[in-house]
Each structure stands twice: as C-alpha cells, then as structure tokens.
Amino acid sequence: MSETPTAPQIVTSGRAAILVAFAALFMGLSWPLLHISMQSIEPLWFNATRMLLAGIVLALVLAVRGKLILPPRQDLRMLLSLGLFQFGLMAILIAYGVSIVGAGRTAMLVYTITIWVTLGSIIFYGEKPSRAQLAGICCGIAGLLTLFSPFGFDWSDRHVLIGNGCAVLAAIVWSVPLLQVRRHRWHADPLQLLPYETILGGLLTLPFAMIFESTVPHIDWNTRAALSFTFIVIMATNFSFWALVTAGRRLPAIALSLAQLTTPVIGVISAAFIVAEVPSWTDIAGLALIVCGVAVAAIFGRRRTVQAPAPAR
C-alpha cells in the first residue's frame, strides 16, 4: 500500500530532519546532565520528580492548545506498559547506572536496545532475521563483550558490576514496550498519551523512593543542578519525544533509527567535556562496534522489507 509517498518525504521533510537532529542532540546532552542533577537528589526521587513534572508540564501545554484527552480504552494496555517499563523501571535503572558508573558508559549500554528488540522479535514473534540483521546482532554483541573485556573492566568490583548491570537491564526492560508497540494500533496520538505515561512512571517510582531512600527528598540544589534538571524535563523528555513523534510522520523509521544512533556518541563526547568522563580505548571500541551493528541491521535489515520486495526463501 504504499511505499510511494516515502521517497518524496525524505527529500522534502527538511524541518522533520532538523527536529530529529535536535532530539538526538538534546537526548545525548541529557546523559552528563543526569549525572550533574543526581549530585543534588537521590536517584529514585530524581526519577519520580522528573517524570511527574514532565507529565504535568506537557498536560498543561496540551490543555492550553485544546488537545488534552482522556486515553482511549484501546490504548490503555500500551499506556500502562510504557508507563511501567519505559518511564518507570527503565528510567530508574538508568538513574542508578549513571550514579554508579557514569553517564558515558551508561549511554553506551542502554543504546544496545536495538539488539534486544531484534532478538525479541526473533524469539517472541518468530521473525526470520536477514543476514544483515544477524551480522548487526553479532557486531553489537561483540561491542558488549568489548565493553566487558578484562582489559578495561574490573570484574572484582561489585559496585561496578551493579552499575553496569543496571544499564544493560535498562536496555532489556526498554525493549518490552518497544516490542509490544510494533503490534499495537494507536487510537490516539501518542503525544497526547505521553503525560499519562510519564505521570504513571513518576507515581510508580514515588513509593519506592519513600521506602528505600527517604520519606521526603533530600535536595541540595545549586544553579548547575537546577538548570540541568530543567533541561532534562523540558528539552530531553518532552521536546525530544514531541520532535520524534512529529518527525516520524514525515520520515521513514529507518531515518529515525539511524539519527538516534548519534545519541550515545553525543552522550560519550559531552560527558567527556561536561563531567570529565574520559572513555577508555575499550569503551570507544565497544561503542563503535555497537553503533556499527545497529546501523548495519537498520540499513540493510529493513531494506529487504521496507524498500524492496522480499526475495523468495
């Protein structure tokens, strides 16, 4: 039904491409800013506060524009999944990963998400991967092994193991709603459901913050931390999601996937400059393998199903 409109959209959607570029930039910059923010507030309280504020701000914006709606019953299951896994559990794991092992390394590990989604599609949906997808998975796994090689990773440090484990688990958890959304037919604009998802993620985090950290948050704000937190809530959470949803209507999925590959690279580079996290040679090699693996799977793996008829098996 039609792949015909896709080509002109790629050429004529300059504004959509700019939105994607800014979204990738802001999400990349958010990694070291997460690190700065959590110097002033505990991880669970950080996530609860971030998600609740992001949801409230976006709900107010939508209400002013007359676009705030109640979620349709048909979208409730997907809304709950995104709220629980992506804006709740995944965000908590990322916060702990950043607080323990740093922004750059956490970004590298979280953006192995495409590998886990591809594996999940094979295992749960019975999809037959192309050779390019298999090559991409192998390349990505090689990148993970490089990041955890004994040449650059201390397996005897329990603290480091927990931090890295949180980052890898965050990627796996994130893959759950992404796998579900592939089979979901939206009845509402995903942007109109975002306030409910972020607020749900914040509300789910709140009791754990009160139990495991403190009854009320211990906040020690300074100008740098406050500005970092504001940027994360408004630009890295709300604006970036809006930009990707808007651009997704004009650009093919492959373009979005490839653009977002720059996010962990920006995260590593900005962490080096902003919070002085200098990556080791194994970190750089591992990141390069992961990015190459995802790029190969995205370009050649989708080309077979999206850009050309599938050859007979």
C-alpha atoms as a PDB file:
ATOM      1  CA  MET A   1       0.000   0.000   0.000  1.00  0.00           C
ATOM      2  CA  SER A   2       2.366   2.159  -0.446  1.00  0.00           C
ATOM      3  CA  GLU A   3       5.845   2.882  -0.268  1.00  0.00           C
ATOM      4  CA  THR A   4       5.445   5.531  -2.970  1.00  0.00           C
ATOM      5  CA  PRO A   5       4.991   8.582  -0.716  1.00  0.00           C
ATOM      6  CA  THR A   6       8.107   7.728   1.253  1.00  0.00           C
ATOM      7  CA  ALA A   7      10.745   8.920  -1.189  1.00  0.00           C
ATOM      8  CA  PRO A   8       9.491  12.485  -1.656  1.00  0.00           C
ATOM      9  CA  GLN A   9       9.007  12.852   2.073  1.00  0.00           C
ATOM     10  CA  ILE A  10      12.684  12.093   2.653  1.00  0.00           C
ATOM     11  CA  VAL A  11      13.621  14.861   0.233  1.00  0.00           C
ATOM     12  CA  THR A  12      11.061  17.474   1.260  1.00  0.00           C
ATOM     13  CA  SER A  13      10.993  16.950   5.047  1.00  0.00           C
ATOM     14  CA  GLY A  14      13.864  19.229   5.983  1.00  0.00           C
ATOM     15  CA  ARG A  15      12.110  20.513   9.077  1.00  0.00           C
ATOM     16  CA  ALA A  16      11.453  16.955  10.259  1.00  0.00           C
ATOM     17  CA  ALA A  17      15.144  16.123   9.821  1.00  0.00           C
ATOM     18  CA  ILE A  18      16.069  19.206  11.866  1.00  0.00           C
ATOM     19  CA  LEU A  19      13.681  18.108  14.638  1.00  0.00           C
ATOM     20  CA  VAL A  20      15.300  14.663  14.743  1.00  0.00           C
ATOM     21  CA  ALA A  21      18.771  16.223  14.872  1.00  0.00           C
ATOM     22  CA  PHE A  22      17.803  18.426  17.817  1.00  0.00           C
ATOM     23  CA  ALA A  23      16.119  15.499  19.593  1.00  0.00           C
ATOM     24  CA  ALA A  24      19.289  13.397  19.243  1.00  0.00           C
ATOM     25  CA  LEU A  25      21.410  16.329  20.446  1.00  0.00           C
ATOM     26  CA  PHE A  26      19.248  17.023  23.488  1.00  0.00           C
ATOM     27  CA  MET A  27      18.987  13.343  24.444  1.00  0.00           C
ATOM     28  CA  GLY A  28      22.749  12.986  24.072  1.00  0.00           C
ATOM     29  CA  LEU A  29      23.415  16.028  26.250  1.00  0.00           C
ATOM     30  CA  SER A  30      20.986  14.720  28.863  1.00  0.00           C
ATOM     31  CA  TRP A  31      23.387  11.944  29.905  1.00  0.00           C
ATOM     32  CA  PRO A  32      26.032  14.109  31.615  1.00  0.00           C
ATOM     33  CA  LEU A  33      23.266  16.421  32.868  1.00  0.00           C
ATOM     34  CA  LEU A  34      21.677  13.391  34.569  1.00  0.00           C
ATOM     35  CA  HIS A  35      24.961  12.903  36.374  1.00  0.00           C
ATOM     36  CA  ILE A  36      25.017  16.553  37.480  1.00  0.00           C
ATOM     37  CA  SER A  37      21.380  16.510  38.630  1.00  0.00           C
ATOM     38  CA  MET A  38      21.843  13.424  40.757  1.00  0.00           C
ATOM     39  CA  GLN A  39      24.631  15.040  42.710  1.00  0.00           C
ATOM     40  CA  SER A  40      21.829  17.028  44.334  1.00  0.00           C
ATOM     41  CA  ILE A  41      18.982  14.496  44.635  1.00  0.00           C
ATOM     42  CA  GLU A  42      18.672  10.734  45.183  1.00  0.00           C
ATOM     43  CA  PRO A  43      18.105   8.556  42.061  1.00  0.00           C
ATOM     44  CA  LEU A  44      14.568   7.352  42.856  1.00  0.00           C
ATOM     45  CA  TRP A  45      13.412  10.797  43.914  1.00  0.00           C
ATOM     46  CA  PHE A  46      15.075  12.219  40.803  1.00  0.00           C
ATOM     47  CA  ASN A  47      13.054   9.924  38.542  1.00  0.00           C
ATOM     48  CA  ALA A  48       9.788  10.469  40.408  1.00  0.00           C
ATOM     49  CA  THR A  49      10.177  14.260  40.326  1.00  0.00           C
ATOM     50  CA  ARG A  50      11.373  14.345  36.728  1.00  0.00           C
ATOM     51  CA  MET A  51       8.517  12.244  35.359  1.00  0.00           C
ATOM     52  CA  LEU A  52       5.780  13.933  37.374  1.00  0.00           C
ATOM     53  CA  LEU A  53       6.930  17.427  36.365  1.00  0.00           C
ATOM     54  CA  ALA A  54       7.398  16.425  32.710  1.00  0.00           C
ATOM     55  CA  GLY A  55       3.869  14.985  32.618  1.00  0.00           C
ATOM     56  CA  ILE A  56       2.284  17.988  34.327  1.00  0.00           C
ATOM     57  CA  VAL A  57       4.068  20.482  32.042  1.00  0.00           C
ATOM     58  CA  LEU A  58       3.040  18.605  28.890  1.00  0.00           C
ATOM     59  CA  ALA A  59      -0.542  18.166  30.140  1.00  0.00           C
ATOM     60  CA  LEU A  60      -0.796  21.938  30.681  1.00  0.00           C
ATOM     61  CA  VAL A  61       0.581  22.631  27.199  1.00  0.00           C
ATOM     62  CA  LEU A  62      -1.892  20.215  25.605  1.00  0.00           C
ATOM     63  CA  ALA A  63      -4.763  21.635  27.672  1.00  0.00           C
ATOM     64  CA  VAL A  64      -3.964  25.197  26.562  1.00  0.00           C
ATOM     65  CA  ARG A  65      -3.951  24.005  22.942  1.00  0.00           C
ATOM     66  CA  GLY A  66      -7.226  22.137  23.449  1.00  0.00           C
ATOM     67  CA  LYS A  67      -5.599  18.755  22.754  1.00  0.00           C
ATOM     68  CA  LEU A  68      -5.668  17.127  26.189  1.00  0.00           C
ATOM     69  CA  ILE A  69      -7.811  13.994  26.022  1.00  0.00           C
ATOM     70  CA  LEU A  70      -8.715  11.014  28.144  1.00  0.00           C
ATOM     71  CA  PRO A  71      -6.876   7.887  26.954  1.00  0.00           C
ATOM     72  CA  PRO A  72      -8.994   5.623  24.733  1.00  0.00           C
ATOM     73  CA  ARG A  73      -9.707   2.207  26.233  1.00  0.00           C
ATOM     74  CA  GLN A  74      -7.957   0.528  23.269  1.00  0.00           C
ATOM     75  CA  ASP A  75      -4.657   2.288  24.147  1.00  0.00           C
ATOM     76  CA  LEU A  76      -4.736   1.644  27.896  1.00  0.00           C
ATOM     77  CA  ARG A  77      -2.692  -1.551  27.767  1.00  0.00           C
ATOM     78  CA  MET A  78       0.066   0.145  25.773  1.00  0.00           C
ATOM     79  CA  LEU A  79      -0.087   3.221  28.005  1.00  0.00           C
ATOM     80  CA  LEU A  80       0.377   1.073  31.115  1.00  0.00           C
ATOM     81  CA  SER A  81       3.274  -0.809  29.537  1.00  0.00           C
ATOM     82  CA  LEU A  82       5.099   2.382  28.559  1.00  0.00           C
ATOM     83  CA  GLY A  83       4.430   3.970  31.948  1.00  0.00           C
ATOM     84  CA  LEU A  84       5.625   0.919  33.862  1.00  0.00           C
ATOM     85  CA  PHE A  85       8.612  -0.158  31.785  1.00  0.00           C
ATOM     86  CA  GLN A  86       9.917   2.894  29.900  1.00  0.00           C
ATOM     87  CA  PHE A  87       9.073   5.812  32.180  1.00  0.00           C
ATOM     88  CA  GLY A  88       9.201   3.849  35.404  1.00  0.00           C
ATOM     89  CA  LEU A  89      11.550   0.896  35.685  1.00  0.00           C
ATOM     90  CA  MET A  90      13.886   1.761  32.799  1.00  0.00           C
ATOM     91  CA  ALA A  91      14.337   5.343  33.953  1.00  0.00           C
ATOM     92  CA  ILE A  92      15.118   4.162  37.497  1.00  0.00           C
ATOM     93  CA  LEU A  93      17.744   1.709  36.235  1.00  0.00           C
ATOM     94  CA  ILE A  94      19.319   4.433  34.089  1.00  0.00           C
ATOM     95  CA  ALA A  95      19.451   6.792  37.072  1.00  0.00           C
ATOM     96  CA  TYR A  96      21.270   4.169  39.148  1.00  0.00           C
ATOM     97  CA  GLY A  97      23.582   3.302  36.251  1.00  0.00           C
ATOM     98  CA  VAL A  98      24.579   6.943  35.770  1.00  0.00           C
ATOM     99  CA  SER A  99      25.075   7.490  39.511  1.00  0.00           C
ATOM    100  CA  ILE A 100      27.346   4.423  39.801  1.00  0.00           C
ATOM    101  CA  VAL A 101      29.350   4.068  36.570  1.00  0.00           C
ATOM    102  CA  GLY A 102      28.861   7.436  34.905  1.00  0.00           C
ATOM    103  CA  ALA A 103      26.934   8.967  32.038  1.00  0.00           C
ATOM    104  CA  GLY A 104      29.020   7.923  29.032  1.00  0.00           C
ATOM    105  CA  ARG A 105      29.225   4.212  29.786  1.00  0.00           C
ATOM    106  CA  THR A 106      25.544   4.016  30.752  1.00  0.00           C
ATOM    107  CA  ALA A 107      24.591   5.649  27.436  1.00  0.00           C
ATOM    108  CA  MET A 108      26.652   3.067  25.520  1.00  0.00           C
ATOM    109  CA  LEU A 109      24.991   0.139  27.268  1.00  0.00           C
ATOM    110  CA  VAL A 110      21.422   1.474  27.137  1.00  0.00           C
ATOM    111  CA  TYR A 111      21.645   2.046  23.398  1.00  0.00           C
ATOM    112  CA  THR A 112      22.152  -1.658  22.782  1.00  0.00           C
ATOM    113  CA  ILE A 113      18.323  -1.555  22.802  1.00  0.00           C
ATOM    114  CA  THR A 114      18.094  -2.333  19.076  1.00  0.00           C
ATOM    115  CA  ILE A 115      19.943  -5.616  19.623  1.00  0.00           C
ATOM    116  CA  TRP A 116      17.454  -6.699  22.295  1.00  0.00           C
ATOM    117  CA  VAL A 117      14.431  -5.651  20.216  1.00  0.00           C
ATOM    118  CA  THR A 118      15.749  -7.620  17.230  1.00  0.00           C
ATOM    119  CA  LEU A 119      16.396 -10.683  19.397  1.00  0.00           C
ATOM    120  CA  GLY A 120      12.943 -10.312  20.979  1.00  0.00           C
ATOM    121  CA  SER A 121      11.306 -10.161  17.545  1.00  0.00           C
ATOM    122  CA  ILE A 122      13.037 -13.414  16.601  1.00  0.00           C
ATOM    123  CA  ILE A 123      12.202 -15.198  19.875  1.00  0.00           C
ATOM    124  CA  PHE A 124       8.648 -13.993  20.556  1.00  0.00           C
ATOM    125  CA  TYR A 125       7.296 -13.142  17.101  1.00  0.00           C
ATOM    126  CA  GLY A 126       9.107 -15.812  15.102  1.00  0.00           C
ATOM    127  CA  GLU A 127      10.534 -13.247  12.691  1.00  0.00           C
ATOM    128  CA  LYS A 128      13.263 -14.592  10.426  1.00  0.00           C
ATOM    129  CA  PRO A 129      16.255 -12.243  10.544  1.00  0.00           C
ATOM    130  CA  SER A 130      18.086 -11.251   7.393  1.00  0.00           C
ATOM    131  CA  ARG A 131      21.811 -11.872   7.098  1.00  0.00           C
ATOM    132  CA  ALA A 132      22.381  -8.175   7.729  1.00  0.00           C
ATOM    133  CA  GLN A 133      20.352  -8.293  10.951  1.00  0.00           C
ATOM    134  CA  LEU A 134      22.338 -11.330  12.132  1.00  0.00           C
ATOM    135  CA  ALA A 135      25.574  -9.537  11.257  1.00  0.00           C
ATOM    136  CA  GLY A 136      24.355  -6.461  13.133  1.00  0.00           C
ATOM    137  CA  ILE A 137      23.453  -8.531  16.205  1.00  0.00           C
ATOM    138  CA  CYS A 138      26.862 -10.221  16.178  1.00  0.00           C
ATOM    139  CA  CYS A 139      28.606  -6.874  15.804  1.00  0.00           C
ATOM    140  CA  GLY A 140      26.587  -5.397  18.674  1.00  0.00           C
ATOM    141  CA  ILE A 141      27.293  -8.383  20.922  1.00  0.00           C
ATOM    142  CA  ALA A 142      30.986  -8.055  20.070  1.00  0.00           C
ATOM    143  CA  GLY A 143      30.717  -4.438  21.228  1.00  0.00           C
ATOM    144  CA  LEU A 144      29.153  -5.542  24.520  1.00  0.00           C
ATOM    145  CA  LEU A 145      31.883  -8.128  25.040  1.00  0.00           C
ATOM    146  CA  THR A 146      34.489  -5.458  24.350  1.00  0.00           C
ATOM    147  CA  LEU A 147      32.931  -3.172  26.978  1.00  0.00           C
ATOM    148  CA  PHE A 148      33.098  -6.026  29.496  1.00  0.00           C
ATOM    149  CA  SER A 149      36.508  -7.361  28.492  1.00  0.00           C
ATOM    150  CA  PRO A 150      39.033  -7.847  31.321  1.00  0.00           C
ATOM    151  CA  PHE A 151      41.317  -5.317  29.581  1.00  0.00           C
ATOM    152  CA  GLY A 152      39.051  -2.426  30.517  1.00  0.00           C
ATOM    153  CA  PHE A 153      36.573  -3.773  33.077  1.00  0.00           C
ATOM    154  CA  ASP A 154      37.122  -4.671  36.730  1.00  0.00           C
ATOM    155  CA  TRP A 155      35.095  -7.844  37.349  1.00  0.00           C
ATOM    156  CA  SER A 156      36.158  -7.892  41.007  1.00  0.00           C
ATOM    157  CA  ASP A 157      34.379  -4.608  41.821  1.00  0.00           C
ATOM    158  CA  ARG A 158      30.837  -5.448  42.953  1.00  0.00           C
ATOM    159  CA  HIS A 159      29.796  -1.781  42.793  1.00  0.00           C
ATOM    160  CA  VAL A 160      30.844  -1.541  39.140  1.00  0.00           C
ATOM    161  CA  LEU A 161      29.066  -4.802  38.315  1.00  0.00           C
ATOM    162  CA  ILE A 162      25.806  -3.491  39.780  1.00  0.00           C
ATOM    163  CA  GLY A 163      26.045  -0.195  37.893  1.00  0.00           C
ATOM    164  CA  ASN A 164      26.749  -1.857  34.548  1.00  0.00           C
ATOM    165  CA  GLY A 165      24.078  -4.459  35.225  1.00  0.00           C
ATOM    166  CA  CYS A 166      21.522  -1.680  35.787  1.00  0.00           C
ATOM    167  CA  ALA A 167      22.412  -0.130  32.414  1.00  0.00           C
ATOM    168  CA  VAL A 168      22.139  -3.421  30.489  1.00  0.00           C
ATOM    169  CA  LEU A 169      18.907  -4.322  32.298  1.00  0.00           C
ATOM    170  CA  ALA A 170      17.524  -0.868  31.410  1.00  0.00           C
ATOM    171  CA  ALA A 171      18.022  -1.667  27.715  1.00  0.00           C
ATOM    172  CA  ILE A 172      16.304  -5.049  28.093  1.00  0.00           C
ATOM    173  CA  VAL A 173      13.400  -3.508  30.037  1.00  0.00           C
ATOM    174  CA  TRP A 174      13.046  -0.776  27.386  1.00  0.00           C
ATOM    175  CA  SER A 175      12.701  -3.437  24.697  1.00  0.00           C
ATOM    176  CA  VAL A 176       9.464  -4.762  26.276  1.00  0.00           C
ATOM    177  CA  PRO A 177       7.166  -1.841  25.315  1.00  0.00           C
ATOM    178  CA  LEU A 178       9.012  -1.364  22.014  1.00  0.00           C
ATOM    179  CA  LEU A 179       8.225  -4.956  21.063  1.00  0.00           C
ATOM    180  CA  GLN A 180       4.597  -4.507  22.119  1.00  0.00           C
ATOM    181  CA  VAL A 181       4.162  -1.245  20.226  1.00  0.00           C
ATOM    182  CA  ARG A 182       5.122  -2.942  16.951  1.00  0.00           C
ATOM    183  CA  ARG A 183       1.846  -4.897  17.107  1.00  0.00           C
ATOM    184  CA  HIS A 184      -0.262  -2.075  18.528  1.00  0.00           C
ATOM    185  CA  ARG A 185      -2.644   0.087  16.516  1.00  0.00           C
ATOM    186  CA  TRP A 186      -2.912   3.505  18.156  1.00  0.00           C
ATOM    187  CA  HIS A 187      -6.357   5.037  18.608  1.00  0.00           C
ATOM    188  CA  ALA A 188      -4.976   8.323  19.983  1.00  0.00           C
ATOM    189  CA  ASP A 189      -1.997  10.460  19.108  1.00  0.00           C
ATOM    190  CA  PRO A 190       0.986   9.034  21.080  1.00  0.00           C
ATOM    191  CA  LEU A 191       1.915  12.602  22.081  1.00  0.00           C
ATOM    192  CA  GLN A 192      -1.496  13.052  23.744  1.00  0.00           C
ATOM    193  CA  LEU A 193      -0.869   9.922  25.832  1.00  0.00           C
ATOM    194  CA  LEU A 194       2.635  10.988  26.927  1.00  0.00           C
ATOM    195  CA  PRO A 195       1.507  12.998  30.008  1.00  0.00           C
ATOM    196  CA  TYR A 196      -0.309   9.943  31.365  1.00  0.00           C
ATOM    197  CA  GLU A 197       2.703   7.693  30.727  1.00  0.00           C
ATOM    198  CA  THR A 198       5.243   9.982  32.404  1.00  0.00           C
ATOM    199  CA  ILE A 199       2.962  10.733  35.359  1.00  0.00           C
ATOM    200  CA  LEU A 200       2.316   6.995  35.766  1.00  0.00           C
ATOM    201  CA  GLY A 201       6.080   6.350  35.719  1.00  0.00           C
ATOM    202  CA  GLY A 202       6.562   9.010  38.398  1.00  0.00           C
ATOM    203  CA  LEU A 203       3.735   7.705  40.580  1.00  0.00           C
ATOM    204  CA  LEU A 204       5.093   4.156  40.360  1.00  0.00           C
ATOM    205  CA  THR A 205       8.521   5.387  41.459  1.00  0.00           C
ATOM    206  CA  LEU A 206       7.230   7.535  44.323  1.00  0.00           C
ATOM    207  CA  PRO A 207       6.528   4.807  46.941  1.00  0.00           C
ATOM    208  CA  PHE A 208       9.891   3.128  46.264  1.00  0.00           C
ATOM    209  CA  ALA A 209      11.642   6.475  46.756  1.00  0.00           C
ATOM    210  CA  MET A 210       9.870   6.957  50.094  1.00  0.00           C
ATOM    211  CA  ILE A 211      10.680   3.416  51.248  1.00  0.00           C
ATOM    212  CA  PHE A 212      14.251   2.946  50.027  1.00  0.00           C
ATOM    213  CA  GLU A 213      15.628   6.500  50.087  1.00  0.00           C
ATOM    214  CA  SER A 214      13.791   8.991  52.312  1.00  0.00           C
ATOM    215  CA  THR A 215      10.241   9.989  53.194  1.00  0.00           C
ATOM    216  CA  VAL A 216      10.825  13.373  51.596  1.00  0.00           C
ATOM    217  CA  PRO A 217      13.556  14.078  49.035  1.00  0.00           C
ATOM    218  CA  HIS A 218      16.892  15.430  50.228  1.00  0.00           C
ATOM    219  CA  ILE A 219      17.544  18.155  47.683  1.00  0.00           C
ATOM    220  CA  ASP A 220      20.698  20.226  47.662  1.00  0.00           C
ATOM    221  CA  TRP A 221      20.103  22.419  44.610  1.00  0.00           C
ATOM    222  CA  ASN A 222      22.677  24.671  43.082  1.00  0.00           C
ATOM    223  CA  THR A 223      22.369  26.650  39.854  1.00  0.00           C
ATOM    224  CA  ARG A 224      24.144  23.999  37.761  1.00  0.00           C
ATOM    225  CA  ALA A 225      21.981  21.148  39.055  1.00  0.00           C
ATOM    226  CA  ALA A 226      18.736  23.131  38.742  1.00  0.00           C
ATOM    227  CA  LEU A 227      19.490  24.125  35.138  1.00  0.00           C
ATOM    228  CA  SER A 228      20.449  20.533  34.296  1.00  0.00           C
ATOM    229  CA  PHE A 229      17.224  19.200  35.812  1.00  0.00           C
ATOM    230  CA  THR A 230      15.116  21.782  33.930  1.00  0.00           C
ATOM    231  CA  PHE A 231      16.812  20.913  30.637  1.00  0.00           C
ATOM    232  CA  ILE A 232      16.163  17.190  31.167  1.00  0.00           C
ATOM    233  CA  VAL A 233      12.469  17.700  31.981  1.00  0.00           C
ATOM    234  CA  ILE A 234      11.623  20.150  29.203  1.00  0.00           C
ATOM    235  CA  MET A 235      14.079  19.525  26.377  1.00  0.00           C
ATOM    236  CA  ALA A 236      15.326  15.935  26.750  1.00  0.00           C
ATOM    237  CA  THR A 237      11.990  14.451  27.824  1.00  0.00           C
ATOM    238  CA  ASN A 238       9.077  16.498  26.448  1.00  0.00           C
ATOM    239  CA  PHE A 239      10.589  18.269  23.443  1.00  0.00           C
ATOM    240  CA  SER A 240      12.570  15.252  22.235  1.00  0.00           C
ATOM    241  CA  PHE A 241       9.552  12.943  22.397  1.00  0.00           C
ATOM    242  CA  TRP A 242       7.387  15.510  20.587  1.00  0.00           C
ATOM    243  CA  ALA A 243      10.097  16.006  17.948  1.00  0.00           C
ATOM    244  CA  LEU A 244      10.457  12.278  17.279  1.00  0.00           C
ATOM    245  CA  VAL A 245       6.690  11.705  17.100  1.00  0.00           C
ATOM    246  CA  THR A 246       6.263  14.691  14.757  1.00  0.00           C
ATOM    247  CA  ALA A 247       9.215  13.734  12.553  1.00  0.00           C
ATOM    248  CA  GLY A 248       8.050  10.116  12.499  1.00  0.00           C
ATOM    249  CA  ARG A 249       5.032  11.194  10.469  1.00  0.00           C
ATOM    250  CA  ARG A 250       7.285  12.614   7.763  1.00  0.00           C
ATOM    251  CA  LEU A 251      10.372  10.397   7.769  1.00  0.00           C
ATOM    252  CA  PRO A 252      10.704   6.611   7.426  1.00  0.00           C
ATOM    253  CA  ALA A 253      11.509   4.608  10.547  1.00  0.00           C
ATOM    254  CA  ILE A 254      14.980   3.798   9.261  1.00  0.00           C
ATOM    255  CA  ALA A 255      15.888   7.502   9.192  1.00  0.00           C
ATOM    256  CA  LEU A 256      14.805   7.894  12.823  1.00  0.00           C
ATOM    257  CA  SER A 257      16.754   4.807  13.866  1.00  0.00           C
ATOM    258  CA  LEU A 258      19.952   5.975  12.206  1.00  0.00           C
ATOM    259  CA  ALA A 259      19.606   9.524  13.550  1.00  0.00           C
ATOM    260  CA  GLN A 260      19.214   8.237  17.090  1.00  0.00           C
ATOM    261  CA  LEU A 261      22.456   6.289  16.737  1.00  0.00           C
ATOM    262  CA  THR A 262      24.198   9.616  17.281  1.00  0.00           C
ATOM    263  CA  THR A 263      22.659   9.915  20.769  1.00  0.00           C
ATOM    264  CA  PRO A 264      25.105   7.612  22.638  1.00  0.00           C
ATOM    265  CA  VAL A 265      28.012   9.132  20.697  1.00  0.00           C
ATOM    266  CA  ILE A 266      26.923  12.625  21.757  1.00  0.00           C
ATOM    267  CA  GLY A 267      26.440  11.280  25.285  1.00  0.00           C
ATOM    268  CA  VAL A 268      30.003   9.956  25.481  1.00  0.00           C
ATOM    269  CA  ILE A 269      31.561  13.091  23.945  1.00  0.00           C
ATOM    270  CA  SER A 270      29.518  15.522  26.049  1.00  0.00           C
ATOM    271  CA  ALA A 271      30.256  13.513  29.217  1.00  0.00           C
ATOM    272  CA  ALA A 272      33.965  13.919  28.500  1.00  0.00           C
ATOM    273  CA  PHE A 273      33.628  17.697  28.233  1.00  0.00           C
ATOM    274  CA  ILE A 274      30.920  18.411  30.822  1.00  0.00           C
ATOM    275  CA  VAL A 275      31.725  15.973  33.651  1.00  0.00           C
ATOM    276  CA  ALA A 276      35.273  14.948  32.650  1.00  0.00           C
ATOM    277  CA  GLU A 277      34.455  11.273  31.971  1.00  0.00           C
ATOM    278  CA  VAL A 278      37.257  10.248  29.629  1.00  0.00           C
ATOM    279  CA  PRO A 279      36.363   6.972  27.862  1.00  0.00           C
ATOM    280  CA  SER A 280      38.953   4.188  27.737  1.00  0.00           C
ATOM    281  CA  TRP A 281      40.060   2.628  24.453  1.00  0.00           C
ATOM    282  CA  THR A 282      37.843  -0.391  25.190  1.00  0.00           C
ATOM    283  CA  ASP A 283      34.871   1.948  25.707  1.00  0.00           C
ATOM    284  CA  ILE A 284      35.496   3.621  22.351  1.00  0.00           C
ATOM    285  CA  ALA A 285      35.968   0.293  20.559  1.00  0.00           C
ATOM    286  CA  GLY A 286      32.845  -1.179  22.171  1.00  0.00           C
ATOM    287  CA  LEU A 287      30.740   1.863  21.286  1.00  0.00           C
ATOM    288  CA  ALA A 288      31.990   1.787  17.682  1.00  0.00           C
ATOM    289  CA  LEU A 289      31.017  -1.885  17.333  1.00  0.00           C
ATOM    290  CA  ILE A 290      27.575  -1.314  18.862  1.00  0.00           C
ATOM    291  CA  VAL A 291      26.843   1.682  16.608  1.00  0.00           C
ATOM    292  CA  CYS A 292      28.064  -0.206  13.524  1.00  0.00           C
ATOM    293  CA  GLY A 293      25.985  -3.246  14.418  1.00  0.00           C
ATOM    294  CA  VAL A 294      22.806  -1.231  14.884  1.00  0.00           C
ATOM    295  CA  ALA A 295      23.473   0.753  11.697  1.00  0.00           C
ATOM    296  CA  VAL A 296      24.026  -2.387   9.608  1.00  0.00           C
ATOM    297  CA  ALA A 297      20.843  -4.008  10.921  1.00  0.00           C
ATOM    298  CA  ALA A 298      18.840  -0.810  10.420  1.00  0.00           C
ATOM    299  CA  ILE A 299      20.044  -0.034   6.883  1.00  0.00           C
ATOM    300  CA  PHE A 300      20.248  -3.454   5.292  1.00  0.00           C
ATOM    301  CA  GLY A 301      17.879  -5.393   7.537  1.00  0.00           C
ATOM    302  CA  ARG A 302      14.935  -3.068   6.871  1.00  0.00           C
ATOM    303  CA  ARG A 303      15.768  -2.505   3.238  1.00  0.00           C
ATOM    304  CA  ARG A 304      14.619  -6.007   2.490  1.00  0.00           C
ATOM    305  CA  THR A 305      11.167  -5.490   3.999  1.00  0.00           C
ATOM    306  CA  VAL A 306      10.553  -1.773   3.535  1.00  0.00           C
ATOM    307  CA  GLN A 307      12.358  -0.595   0.438  1.00  0.00           C
ATOM    308  CA  ALA A 308      12.168  -3.653  -1.798  1.00  0.00           C
ATOM    309  CA  PRO A 309      10.078  -6.803  -2.160  1.00  0.00           C
ATOM    310  CA  ALA A 310      11.334  -9.675  -0.056  1.00  0.00           C
ATOM    311  CA  PRO A 311      13.156 -12.319  -2.116  1.00  0.00           C
ATOM    312  CA  ALA A 312      11.795 -15.855  -2.117  1.00  0.00           C
ATOM    313  CA  ARG A 313      13.292 -18.050   0.560  1.00  0.00           C
END
